[in-house]
Amino acid sequence: MRNQKSLFAGLAAAGMVASFAMGAAAAGNLQEIKAYLNSGITIKYNNEAQVMTDAQGARVYPITYNGTTYVPIRAVSNMLDVKVDWDQASQTVLLGNPADGVDMIDEMKAYHSSEFKQVQTADKQDPKDISGNSYSHWIYLGGAPREVYGSISFNLEGKYDTLTFSYYANADVTLEVLGENETVLARIPVKGGQVAQTIKVDLLKTSQLTFRNVEDLAGGVDRQELYIFDTVLK
């Protein structure tokens, strides 16, 4: 991590070029210059030559201007596995995880699911009423009583320390939060009909995160509904 930060700081000092030109142009702060794409420069990270690419996977090259080498910031962030984003309103390049955390449901797509459903903002425009509040994205873990509900999994790449999320069910269920090799990070008895609860789980730098509904205690409920929402990774 120290090597990553040192390299990142060094490249920043050299003057990395943000790959958000359209947003920056709107601010009216661009100054026309004459520069050169320099395909003769090799970028090495941990002594390995890197092929830099943009957000679409197209190859990009450093720029030489007045004796200084400029490197596209998205290409470097991809190389160092550092999150990069663009805030149009403030014309700001955002590096790393935001201070208020990462919205797991809206930022990540599940790589495996069985019987469960993930709804993101882009998937559904109509908000869902859950425990008296409206939500635009959530994970639904439900079905008819006595069914095997399966699981839903996300690849966290070992980047996060904690996950805070809320949950609500219309019937008594048990929710497991699992890490790699099905390590139990949390086992939560959920009381049906109780106002939504919030829990913070230590992720232990797990790469895999799985939610699993392990049993149905619903009795005569026709259709069980279990929701996970307000998921914040830090």
Protein backbone atom coordinates (compact mmCIF):
# COMPACT_ATOMS: atom_id res chain seq x y z
CA MET A 1 0.00 0.00 0.00
CA ARG A 2 2.90 2.39 0.78
CA ASN A 3 4.40 1.71 -2.65
CA GLN A 4 1.06 2.37 -4.32
CA LYS A 5 0.64 5.68 -2.52
CA SER A 6 4.20 6.75 -3.27
CA LEU A 7 3.85 6.00 -6.97
CA PHE A 8 0.46 7.68 -7.11
CA ALA A 9 1.79 10.80 -5.38
CA GLY A 10 4.79 10.92 -7.68
CA LEU A 11 2.67 10.71 -10.80
CA ALA A 12 0.34 13.35 -9.41
CA ALA A 13 3.27 15.69 -8.84
CA ALA A 14 4.33 15.13 -12.43
CA GLY A 15 0.90 16.33 -13.52
CA MET A 16 -1.60 13.60 -14.29
CA VAL A 17 -4.19 14.48 -16.92
CA ALA A 18 -7.77 13.72 -15.89
CA SER A 19 -9.79 11.75 -18.40
CA PHE A 20 -12.88 13.88 -17.80
CA ALA A 21 -12.33 16.51 -20.47
CA MET A 22 -16.00 16.99 -21.30
CA GLY A 23 -16.86 17.89 -17.72
CA ALA A 24 -13.82 20.13 -17.33
CA ALA A 25 -14.58 21.94 -20.58
CA ALA A 26 -17.94 22.99 -19.19
CA ALA A 27 -16.17 24.92 -16.45
CA GLY A 28 -14.44 27.15 -19.03
CA ASN A 29 -11.00 26.60 -17.47
CA LEU A 30 -9.31 24.89 -20.41
CA GLN A 31 -6.22 26.45 -22.00
CA GLU A 32 -5.17 25.27 -25.43
CA ILE A 33 -1.64 23.87 -25.61
CA LYS A 34 0.50 21.92 -28.08
CA ALA A 35 1.50 18.54 -26.64
CA TYR A 36 2.57 15.13 -27.94
CA LEU A 37 1.30 11.61 -27.30
CA ASN A 38 4.48 9.73 -26.44
CA SER A 39 4.19 6.00 -27.17
CA GLY A 40 7.92 5.63 -26.54
CA ILE A 41 7.51 6.01 -22.76
CA THR A 42 7.11 2.82 -20.73
CA ILE A 43 5.34 2.88 -17.37
CA LYS A 44 6.47 0.19 -14.94
CA TYR A 45 4.71 -0.75 -11.72
CA ASN A 46 6.57 -3.06 -9.32
CA ASN A 47 9.10 -3.47 -12.13
CA GLU A 48 6.48 -4.76 -14.58
CA ALA A 49 5.67 -2.86 -17.78
CA GLN A 50 2.03 -1.73 -17.87
CA VAL A 51 -0.42 -1.29 -20.73
CA MET A 52 -2.57 1.72 -19.79
CA THR A 53 -6.21 1.83 -20.88
CA ASP A 54 -9.16 4.18 -20.58
CA ALA A 55 -12.63 3.41 -19.18
CA GLN A 56 -13.59 1.63 -22.43
CA GLY A 57 -10.44 -0.51 -22.47
CA ALA A 58 -8.75 1.41 -25.32
CA ARG A 59 -4.99 1.85 -25.00
CA VAL A 60 -3.77 5.30 -23.96
CA TYR A 61 -0.29 6.83 -23.84
CA PRO A 62 1.54 9.44 -21.75
CA ILE A 63 1.64 13.03 -23.00
CA THR A 64 4.86 15.05 -23.21
CA TYR A 65 4.55 18.81 -22.74
CA ASN A 66 7.33 21.29 -22.00
CA GLY A 67 9.62 18.55 -20.69
CA THR A 68 7.03 17.08 -18.33
CA THR A 69 5.30 13.72 -18.70
CA TYR A 70 1.54 13.63 -18.04
CA VAL A 71 -0.24 10.33 -17.43
CA PRO A 72 -4.04 9.80 -17.77
CA ILE A 73 -5.40 9.52 -14.26
CA ARG A 74 -7.95 6.81 -15.01
CA ALA A 75 -5.26 4.62 -16.54
CA VAL A 76 -3.11 5.03 -13.43
CA SER A 77 -6.05 4.39 -11.10
CA ASN A 78 -6.81 1.17 -13.00
CA MET A 79 -3.18 0.13 -12.73
CA LEU A 80 -3.04 0.76 -8.97
CA ASP A 81 -6.59 -0.48 -8.37
CA VAL A 82 -7.62 2.89 -6.90
CA LYS A 83 -11.21 4.00 -7.42
CA VAL A 84 -11.60 7.15 -9.54
CA ASP A 85 -14.72 9.19 -10.22
CA TRP A 86 -15.77 12.62 -11.46
CA ASP A 87 -18.01 15.10 -9.64
CA GLN A 88 -19.52 17.26 -12.39
CA ALA A 89 -21.03 19.82 -10.01
CA SER A 90 -17.75 20.72 -8.29
CA GLN A 91 -15.46 19.82 -11.24
CA THR A 92 -13.49 17.50 -8.97
CA VAL A 93 -11.61 14.27 -9.60
CA LEU A 94 -12.39 11.83 -6.76
CA LEU A 95 -9.73 9.27 -5.87
CA GLY A 96 -10.20 6.39 -3.45
CA ASN A 97 -13.35 5.53 -1.54
CA PRO A 98 -15.60 8.44 -0.53
CA ALA A 99 -15.58 9.40 3.15
CA ASP A 100 -19.21 8.39 3.53
CA GLY A 101 -18.53 4.92 2.09
CA VAL A 102 -19.56 3.01 -1.04
CA ASP A 103 -23.17 2.07 -1.75
CA MET A 104 -22.70 -1.66 -2.37
CA ILE A 105 -26.04 -2.36 -4.03
CA ASP A 106 -25.84 0.53 -6.47
CA GLU A 107 -22.10 0.28 -7.19
CA MET A 108 -21.70 -3.50 -7.47
CA LYS A 109 -23.45 -6.22 -9.46
CA ALA A 110 -23.84 -9.61 -7.82
CA TYR A 111 -21.75 -12.27 -9.55
CA HIS A 112 -23.90 -15.12 -8.23
CA SER A 113 -27.51 -15.33 -7.10
CA SER A 114 -29.97 -18.12 -6.42
CA GLU A 115 -33.62 -17.32 -5.83
CA PHE A 116 -32.70 -13.81 -4.62
CA LYS A 117 -33.07 -10.55 -6.51
CA GLN A 118 -30.94 -7.40 -6.57
CA VAL A 119 -32.69 -4.20 -7.62
CA GLN A 120 -30.54 -1.17 -8.43
CA THR A 121 -31.53 2.40 -9.23
CA ALA A 122 -30.90 1.77 -12.92
CA ASP A 123 -33.10 -1.31 -12.83
CA LYS A 124 -36.21 0.23 -11.31
CA GLN A 125 -37.50 3.79 -11.34
CA ASP A 126 -40.39 3.23 -8.93
CA PRO A 127 -39.33 3.34 -5.26
CA LYS A 128 -40.19 0.47 -2.94
CA ASP A 129 -41.83 0.98 0.44
CA ILE A 130 -39.83 -0.97 3.02
CA SER A 131 -40.63 -0.63 6.71
CA GLY A 132 -42.37 2.71 6.15
CA ASN A 133 -39.68 4.34 3.95
CA SER A 134 -39.13 4.50 0.19
CA TYR A 135 -35.98 3.01 -1.39
CA SER A 136 -34.76 3.03 -4.99
CA HIS A 137 -32.49 -0.03 -4.68
CA TRP A 138 -32.42 -3.09 -2.48
CA ILE A 139 -31.85 -6.84 -2.28
CA TYR A 140 -34.95 -9.00 -2.04
CA LEU A 141 -34.61 -12.40 -0.37
CA GLY A 142 -38.05 -13.99 -0.34
CA GLY A 143 -40.50 -16.53 -1.63
CA ALA A 144 -43.14 -19.00 -0.51
CA PRO A 145 -42.68 -20.65 2.92
CA ARG A 146 -40.51 -23.76 3.21
CA GLU A 147 -38.63 -23.04 0.00
CA VAL A 148 -34.85 -23.14 -0.25
CA TYR A 149 -33.98 -19.51 -0.79
CA GLY A 150 -30.38 -19.76 -1.98
CA SER A 151 -27.89 -16.93 -1.76
CA ILE A 152 -26.49 -13.79 -3.40
CA SER A 153 -22.77 -12.99 -3.59
CA PHE A 154 -20.58 -9.97 -4.32
CA ASN A 155 -16.86 -9.68 -5.11
CA LEU A 156 -15.36 -7.12 -2.71
CA GLU A 157 -11.74 -7.84 -3.71
CA GLY A 158 -10.67 -7.51 -0.08
CA LYS A 159 -10.90 -3.72 -0.27
CA TYR A 160 -13.25 -2.99 2.64
CA ASP A 161 -13.19 -3.27 6.42
CA THR A 162 -16.86 -2.97 7.33
CA LEU A 163 -20.36 -3.24 5.89
CA THR A 164 -23.28 -1.40 7.45
CA PHE A 165 -26.76 -2.32 6.21
CA SER A 166 -30.42 -2.37 7.19
CA TYR A 167 -32.81 -5.30 6.98
CA TYR A 168 -36.53 -5.93 7.25
CA ALA A 169 -38.75 -9.03 6.99
CA ASN A 170 -42.48 -9.62 7.17
CA ALA A 171 -41.91 -12.97 8.94
CA ASP A 172 -39.32 -14.52 11.25
CA VAL A 173 -36.22 -15.58 9.31
CA THR A 174 -32.50 -16.03 9.87
CA LEU A 175 -30.03 -14.08 7.76
CA GLU A 176 -26.39 -15.13 7.44
CA VAL A 177 -23.59 -12.88 6.20
CA LEU A 178 -20.72 -15.03 4.93
CA GLY A 179 -17.15 -14.36 3.88
CA GLU A 180 -14.73 -16.57 1.98
CA ASN A 181 -15.04 -20.32 2.47
CA GLU A 182 -18.45 -19.67 4.06
CA THR A 183 -16.90 -18.04 7.12
CA VAL A 184 -19.83 -16.69 9.16
CA LEU A 185 -19.36 -12.95 9.62
CA ALA A 186 -22.82 -12.48 11.14
CA ARG A 187 -25.88 -14.61 11.87
CA ILE A 188 -28.96 -12.47 12.40
CA PRO A 189 -32.33 -13.66 13.72
CA VAL A 190 -34.78 -11.30 12.00
CA LYS A 191 -38.11 -10.69 13.75
CA GLY A 192 -40.96 -10.48 11.28
CA GLY A 193 -42.84 -7.17 11.12
CA GLN A 194 -40.35 -5.39 13.37
CA VAL A 195 -39.21 -1.92 12.25
CA ALA A 196 -36.10 -2.08 10.06
CA GLN A 197 -32.88 -2.72 11.98
CA THR A 198 -29.30 -1.70 11.13
CA ILE A 199 -26.14 -3.72 11.74
CA LYS A 200 -22.42 -3.14 11.17
CA VAL A 201 -20.39 -6.21 10.20
CA ASP A 202 -16.58 -6.54 10.30
CA LEU A 203 -15.60 -7.91 6.90
CA LEU A 204 -12.08 -9.05 7.87
CA LYS A 205 -10.91 -7.95 4.38
CA THR A 206 -12.93 -10.73 2.77
CA SER A 207 -12.94 -10.93 -1.02
CA GLN A 208 -16.31 -12.68 -1.23
CA LEU A 209 -19.46 -11.51 0.53
CA THR A 210 -22.61 -13.64 0.57
CA PHE A 211 -26.07 -13.06 2.03
CA ARG A 212 -27.94 -16.28 2.75
CA ASN A 213 -31.40 -16.99 4.15
CA VAL A 214 -30.79 -20.25 5.99
CA GLU A 215 -34.21 -21.17 7.32
CA ASP A 216 -37.87 -20.24 7.27
CA LEU A 217 -39.62 -19.71 10.59
CA ALA A 218 -42.62 -18.01 9.05
CA GLY A 219 -45.31 -20.54 9.98
CA GLY A 220 -48.46 -19.79 7.99
CA VAL A 221 -47.23 -16.72 6.09
CA ASP A 222 -48.21 -17.05 2.42
CA ARG A 223 -45.21 -15.20 1.09
CA GLN A 224 -42.07 -14.34 2.98
CA GLU A 225 -40.34 -11.01 2.21
CA LEU A 226 -36.85 -10.18 3.41
CA TYR A 227 -35.06 -7.01 2.27
CA ILE A 228 -31.51 -5.71 2.61
CA PHE A 229 -30.90 -2.02 1.87
CA ASP A 230 -28.81 1.03 2.84
CA THR A 231 -25.64 -1.00 2.25
CA VAL A 232 -22.49 1.06 2.97
CA LEU A 233 -18.97 -0.33 2.54
CA LYS A 234 -16.00 1.35 4.22
